[in-house]
Amino acid sequence: MQVTVCGRPFDVSIRQQGMGLWVASGDYQDREIEAMARSREAALRRWREIAEGAAD
């Protein structure tokens, strides 16, 4: 799956880990980011938020 950060697409993998926990992970500017949440969409949104914070 691709997530757009600052106008650039990044490949992010998403997987369900256990009951009700989703994990999004991928590289952003040579840094591995992993985000967890209770839904697929929330995990991807959290990954993007972390990446945007790293871009500042």
N, C-alpha and C. Protein backbone atom coordinates (compact mmCIF):
# COMPACT_ATOMS: atom_id res chain seq x y z
N MET A 1 0.84 -1.16 0.00
CA MET A 1 0.00 0.00 0.00
C MET A 1 0.90 1.24 0.00
N GLN A 2 0.45 2.30 -0.65
CA GLN A 2 1.23 3.53 -0.67
C GLN A 2 0.56 4.60 0.19
N VAL A 3 1.40 5.31 0.93
CA VAL A 3 0.95 6.42 1.77
C VAL A 3 1.70 7.66 1.30
N THR A 4 0.98 8.75 1.08
CA THR A 4 1.60 9.99 0.61
C THR A 4 1.98 10.87 1.79
N VAL A 5 3.25 11.28 1.79
CA VAL A 5 3.77 12.19 2.82
C VAL A 5 4.47 13.32 2.11
N CYS A 6 4.05 14.54 2.37
CA CYS A 6 4.64 15.73 1.75
C CYS A 6 4.65 15.60 0.21
N GLY A 7 3.59 15.04 -0.34
CA GLY A 7 3.47 14.93 -1.77
C GLY A 7 4.21 13.77 -2.42
N ARG A 8 4.88 12.94 -1.62
CA ARG A 8 5.63 11.80 -2.16
C ARG A 8 5.05 10.49 -1.65
N PRO A 9 4.91 9.49 -2.52
CA PRO A 9 4.37 8.20 -2.09
C PRO A 9 5.45 7.32 -1.44
N PHE A 10 5.05 6.60 -0.40
CA PHE A 10 5.95 5.67 0.28
C PHE A 10 5.22 4.34 0.44
N ASP A 11 5.95 3.24 0.24
CA ASP A 11 5.38 1.91 0.40
C ASP A 11 5.31 1.56 1.88
N VAL A 12 4.13 1.16 2.29
CA VAL A 12 3.89 0.79 3.68
C VAL A 12 3.17 -0.55 3.70
N SER A 13 3.68 -1.47 4.50
CA SER A 13 2.98 -2.76 4.63
C SER A 13 2.05 -2.68 5.83
N ILE A 14 0.95 -3.40 5.73
CA ILE A 14 -0.04 -3.39 6.81
C ILE A 14 -0.41 -4.83 7.11
N ARG A 15 -0.45 -5.17 8.39
CA ARG A 15 -0.81 -6.54 8.77
C ARG A 15 -1.60 -6.52 10.07
N GLN A 16 -2.41 -7.54 10.23
CA GLN A 16 -3.15 -7.67 11.49
C GLN A 16 -2.33 -8.54 12.41
N GLN A 17 -2.16 -8.07 13.63
CA GLN A 17 -1.36 -8.79 14.61
C GLN A 17 -2.25 -9.06 15.81
N GLY A 18 -2.72 -10.26 15.92
CA GLY A 18 -3.61 -10.59 17.02
C GLY A 18 -5.01 -10.05 16.80
N MET A 19 -5.79 -10.13 17.82
CA MET A 19 -7.17 -9.67 17.74
C MET A 19 -7.23 -8.16 17.92
N GLY A 20 -7.69 -7.48 16.87
CA GLY A 20 -7.93 -6.05 16.98
C GLY A 20 -6.72 -5.15 16.98
N LEU A 21 -5.57 -5.63 16.53
CA LEU A 21 -4.39 -4.78 16.46
C LEU A 21 -3.82 -4.84 15.05
N TRP A 22 -3.64 -3.68 14.44
CA TRP A 22 -3.06 -3.57 13.10
C TRP A 22 -1.73 -2.86 13.20
N VAL A 23 -0.78 -3.30 12.36
CA VAL A 23 0.56 -2.73 12.35
C VAL A 23 0.90 -2.27 10.94
N ALA A 24 1.27 -1.00 10.81
CA ALA A 24 1.74 -0.43 9.55
C ALA A 24 3.24 -0.20 9.68
N SER A 25 4.01 -0.64 8.69
CA SER A 25 5.46 -0.44 8.77
C SER A 25 6.02 -0.14 7.39
N GLY A 26 7.06 0.69 7.38
CA GLY A 26 7.71 1.05 6.13
C GLY A 26 8.83 2.04 6.38
N ASP A 27 9.66 2.21 5.36
CA ASP A 27 10.80 3.14 5.44
C ASP A 27 10.37 4.54 5.02
N TYR A 28 10.87 5.50 5.76
CA TYR A 28 10.67 6.91 5.41
C TYR A 28 12.00 7.61 5.60
N GLN A 29 12.60 8.07 4.53
CA GLN A 29 13.89 8.76 4.56
C GLN A 29 14.92 7.97 5.37
N ASP A 30 15.12 6.71 4.97
CA ASP A 30 16.11 5.82 5.60
C ASP A 30 15.83 5.53 7.06
N ARG A 31 14.58 5.65 7.47
CA ARG A 31 14.19 5.37 8.85
C ARG A 31 12.99 4.44 8.83
N GLU A 32 13.07 3.35 9.58
CA GLU A 32 11.94 2.42 9.66
C GLU A 32 10.92 2.96 10.65
N ILE A 33 9.69 3.09 10.17
CA ILE A 33 8.60 3.57 11.02
C ILE A 33 7.59 2.44 11.17
N GLU A 34 7.13 2.24 12.40
CA GLU A 34 6.09 1.25 12.67
C GLU A 34 5.03 1.92 13.53
N ALA A 35 3.78 1.72 13.15
CA ALA A 35 2.67 2.32 13.88
C ALA A 35 1.61 1.26 14.14
N MET A 36 1.04 1.27 15.34
CA MET A 36 0.02 0.31 15.70
C MET A 36 -1.27 1.02 16.07
N ALA A 37 -2.38 0.39 15.73
CA ALA A 37 -3.69 0.94 16.08
C ALA A 37 -4.73 -0.18 16.02
N ARG A 38 -5.94 0.14 16.43
CA ARG A 38 -7.01 -0.86 16.49
C ARG A 38 -7.74 -1.07 15.18
N SER A 39 -7.44 -0.26 14.16
CA SER A 39 -8.02 -0.49 12.84
C SER A 39 -6.94 -0.29 11.78
N ARG A 40 -7.19 -0.87 10.62
CA ARG A 40 -6.25 -0.75 9.50
C ARG A 40 -6.03 0.71 9.13
N GLU A 41 -7.12 1.44 8.98
CA GLU A 41 -7.06 2.85 8.58
C GLU A 41 -6.34 3.69 9.63
N ALA A 42 -6.60 3.41 10.89
CA ALA A 42 -5.95 4.18 11.96
C ALA A 42 -4.45 3.92 12.00
N ALA A 43 -4.03 2.69 11.74
CA ALA A 43 -2.60 2.38 11.72
C ALA A 43 -1.90 3.11 10.57
N LEU A 44 -2.53 3.14 9.40
CA LEU A 44 -1.96 3.86 8.27
C LEU A 44 -1.93 5.37 8.54
N ARG A 45 -2.98 5.89 9.13
CA ARG A 45 -3.03 7.32 9.47
C ARG A 45 -1.93 7.67 10.48
N ARG A 46 -1.75 6.80 11.47
CA ARG A 46 -0.70 7.03 12.49
C ARG A 46 0.69 6.98 11.85
N TRP A 47 0.90 6.05 10.91
CA TRP A 47 2.19 5.96 10.22
C TRP A 47 2.48 7.28 9.51
N ARG A 48 1.48 7.81 8.80
CA ARG A 48 1.65 9.07 8.08
C ARG A 48 1.94 10.22 9.05
N GLU A 49 1.26 10.26 10.17
CA GLU A 49 1.49 11.31 11.17
C GLU A 49 2.93 11.27 11.70
N ILE A 50 3.42 10.07 11.96
CA ILE A 50 4.81 9.93 12.45
C ILE A 50 5.79 10.39 11.37
N ALA A 51 5.55 9.98 10.13
CA ALA A 51 6.43 10.38 9.03
C ALA A 51 6.41 11.90 8.83
N GLU A 52 5.24 12.49 8.89
CA GLU A 52 5.14 13.95 8.73
C GLU A 52 5.88 14.66 9.85
N GLY A 53 5.84 14.12 11.06
CA GLY A 53 6.59 14.70 12.17
C GLY A 53 8.09 14.59 11.96
N ALA A 54 8.53 13.50 11.34
CA ALA A 54 9.96 13.31 11.06
C ALA A 54 10.43 14.24 9.95
N ALA A 55 9.49 14.67 9.11
CA ALA A 55 9.85 15.56 7.98
C ALA A 55 10.11 16.98 8.45
N ASP A 56 9.61 17.35 9.62
CA ASP A 56 9.77 18.74 10.11
C ASP A 56 11.18 19.03 10.54
